[in-house]
Amino acid sequence: MRTKLVFVLGLLLAAASAQALEFRSVKSHGAIMHEAPWASSKKLYVLSQGYPVEVIGSQPDWVRVRDAAGGVAWMSTASLSNQRTVVATANRAELRRSPDAKAALAFSVDKDVVLQMVEPPKNGWVKLRHADGSSGYGQISAFWGL
């Protein structure tokens, strides 16, 4: 009985890790999103440098990704970076000087602004940096790409 329980728990842990989300960012401006995993396939749209994408599948030279709007497309593996970024989904996302809703406001950003992740999320907050060098803590509910 104990062996079965350990086996089932192992399967559950393996399934949970298989479901872990993988986020990456677009390496350079003008990354073309394709309908299928080959260069001659229909071009759907273009993403800008730094934009976060969720990896949902891959082949040797191509990756299937989802963007913040829910769009699914294929892009060249060479177009991706391991740098972690997020995009603001709130109309006005506030970043605080410390991870506390009562902390002083560091700055705010409009919807669709891309920020670099400085530290992994913790207790509902994530430390982020704007392209101008400003940094602060934002509530994870205001961002996509985590």
Protein backbone atom coordinates (compact mmCIF):
# COMPACT_ATOMS: atom_id res chain seq x y z
CA MET A 1 0.00 0.00 0.00
CA ARG A 2 2.78 2.42 0.93
CA THR A 3 4.62 1.68 -2.34
CA LYS A 4 1.47 2.52 -4.34
CA LEU A 5 1.07 5.80 -2.46
CA VAL A 6 4.69 6.78 -3.14
CA PHE A 7 4.25 5.86 -6.81
CA VAL A 8 1.03 7.92 -7.14
CA LEU A 9 2.66 10.91 -5.42
CA GLY A 10 5.62 10.62 -7.79
CA LEU A 11 3.27 10.65 -10.78
CA LEU A 12 1.45 13.69 -9.44
CA LEU A 13 4.73 15.55 -8.92
CA ALA A 14 5.89 14.64 -12.42
CA ALA A 15 2.58 15.83 -13.90
CA ALA A 16 2.80 19.10 -11.97
CA SER A 17 6.32 19.79 -13.21
CA ALA A 18 5.27 18.93 -16.76
CA GLN A 19 2.55 21.58 -16.46
CA ALA A 20 5.01 24.29 -15.34
CA LEU A 21 4.80 27.36 -17.54
CA GLU A 22 7.86 28.34 -19.54
CA PHE A 23 8.17 32.00 -20.44
CA ARG A 24 10.83 33.55 -22.65
CA SER A 25 11.14 36.88 -24.44
CA VAL A 26 11.58 38.04 -28.01
CA LYS A 27 15.28 38.58 -28.74
CA SER A 28 15.11 41.38 -31.33
CA HIS A 29 12.64 43.79 -32.96
CA GLY A 30 10.40 42.41 -35.65
CA ALA A 31 10.13 38.74 -34.70
CA ILE A 32 7.75 37.22 -37.23
CA MET A 33 5.01 34.96 -35.94
CA HIS A 34 4.08 32.16 -38.35
CA GLU A 35 1.04 29.96 -38.82
CA ALA A 36 3.17 26.80 -39.05
CA PRO A 37 6.76 25.80 -38.15
CA TRP A 38 8.48 26.72 -41.41
CA ALA A 39 9.65 30.01 -42.94
CA SER A 40 7.39 29.77 -46.00
CA SER A 41 4.22 29.49 -43.87
CA LYS A 42 1.75 32.35 -43.58
CA LYS A 43 3.08 35.29 -41.55
CA LEU A 44 0.53 36.22 -38.87
CA TYR A 45 2.01 39.19 -36.99
CA VAL A 46 5.22 40.66 -35.60
CA LEU A 47 6.36 41.04 -31.98
CA SER A 48 8.77 43.62 -30.60
CA GLN A 49 12.01 43.02 -28.74
CA GLY A 50 11.55 42.01 -25.13
CA TYR A 51 7.91 40.99 -25.47
CA PRO A 52 7.20 37.94 -23.25
CA VAL A 53 5.81 34.73 -24.74
CA GLU A 54 4.75 31.44 -23.20
CA VAL A 55 6.34 28.39 -24.81
CA ILE A 56 3.68 25.75 -25.43
CA GLY A 57 5.51 23.44 -27.81
CA SER A 58 8.73 23.07 -29.74
CA GLN A 59 10.53 21.43 -32.61
CA PRO A 60 14.27 21.61 -33.30
CA ASP A 61 14.27 25.08 -34.96
CA TRP A 62 10.76 26.31 -34.13
CA VAL A 63 8.79 27.11 -30.98
CA ARG A 64 5.03 27.37 -30.60
CA VAL A 65 4.18 30.29 -28.34
CA ARG A 66 1.25 32.13 -26.80
CA ASP A 67 1.27 35.90 -26.34
CA ALA A 68 -0.47 38.00 -23.67
CA ALA A 69 -3.55 38.44 -25.86
CA GLY A 70 -3.90 34.65 -26.22
CA GLY A 71 -2.62 34.49 -29.80
CA VAL A 72 -0.85 31.24 -30.67
CA ALA A 73 1.79 31.08 -33.39
CA TRP A 74 5.15 29.58 -34.34
CA MET A 75 8.44 31.47 -34.26
CA SER A 76 12.05 30.63 -34.94
CA THR A 77 13.91 29.36 -31.88
CA ALA A 78 16.69 31.83 -32.76
CA SER A 79 14.20 34.68 -32.17
CA LEU A 80 13.90 33.88 -28.46
CA SER A 81 15.91 34.99 -25.45
CA ASN A 82 16.02 33.50 -21.94
CA GLN A 83 15.67 36.99 -20.47
CA ARG A 84 12.49 37.17 -18.40
CA THR A 85 10.12 40.01 -19.10
CA VAL A 86 6.49 40.76 -18.34
CA VAL A 87 3.87 42.98 -19.94
CA ALA A 88 1.44 45.15 -17.98
CA THR A 89 -2.15 43.96 -18.32
CA ALA A 90 -3.71 46.51 -15.97
CA ASN A 91 -4.71 49.86 -17.49
CA ARG A 92 -2.36 51.53 -15.01
CA ALA A 93 0.06 49.21 -13.19
CA GLU A 94 1.67 50.70 -10.09
CA LEU A 95 5.14 49.75 -8.95
CA ARG A 96 6.05 50.33 -5.30
CA ARG A 97 9.37 50.95 -3.55
CA SER A 98 8.88 47.74 -1.55
CA PRO A 99 6.56 44.73 -1.92
CA ASP A 100 3.71 46.27 0.06
CA ALA A 101 0.51 47.95 -1.16
CA LYS A 102 1.10 50.74 1.38
CA ALA A 103 4.68 51.42 0.23
CA ALA A 104 5.51 54.63 -1.61
CA LEU A 105 4.81 54.64 -5.34
CA ALA A 106 8.02 54.25 -7.35
CA PHE A 107 6.37 54.73 -10.78
CA SER A 108 3.47 53.47 -12.84
CA VAL A 109 3.12 52.13 -16.38
CA ASP A 110 0.30 51.93 -18.89
CA LYS A 111 -1.16 48.72 -20.24
CA ASP A 112 1.11 46.81 -22.69
CA VAL A 113 4.38 48.26 -21.37
CA VAL A 114 7.12 45.60 -21.21
CA LEU A 115 9.32 45.40 -18.09
CA GLN A 116 12.32 43.23 -17.24
CA MET A 117 11.98 40.82 -14.31
CA VAL A 118 14.69 41.55 -11.72
CA GLU A 119 13.69 38.97 -9.10
CA PRO A 120 11.28 36.02 -9.22
CA PRO A 121 7.77 36.56 -7.86
CA LYS A 122 7.33 36.19 -4.11
CA ASN A 123 4.21 36.56 -1.97
CA GLY A 124 2.19 38.08 -4.81
CA TRP A 125 4.83 40.66 -5.80
CA VAL A 126 7.56 40.79 -8.44
CA LYS A 127 10.52 43.17 -8.73
CA LEU A 128 10.66 44.75 -12.19
CA ARG A 129 12.79 47.25 -14.12
CA HIS A 130 11.62 49.70 -16.77
CA ALA A 131 13.76 50.42 -19.86
CA ASP A 132 14.59 53.84 -18.36
CA GLY A 133 16.26 52.12 -15.37
CA SER A 134 13.47 52.70 -12.84
CA SER A 135 12.67 49.68 -10.72
CA GLY A 136 9.98 48.72 -8.26
CA TYR A 137 7.67 46.00 -7.03
CA GLY A 138 4.41 45.25 -8.81
CA GLN A 139 1.55 43.01 -7.82
CA ILE A 140 1.69 39.95 -10.06
CA SER A 141 -2.02 40.28 -10.90
CA ALA A 142 -1.20 43.42 -12.96
CA PHE A 143 1.26 41.63 -15.28
CA TRP A 144 1.43 38.74 -17.76
CA GLY A 145 4.45 36.52 -18.29
CA LEU A 146 4.90 35.05 -14.83
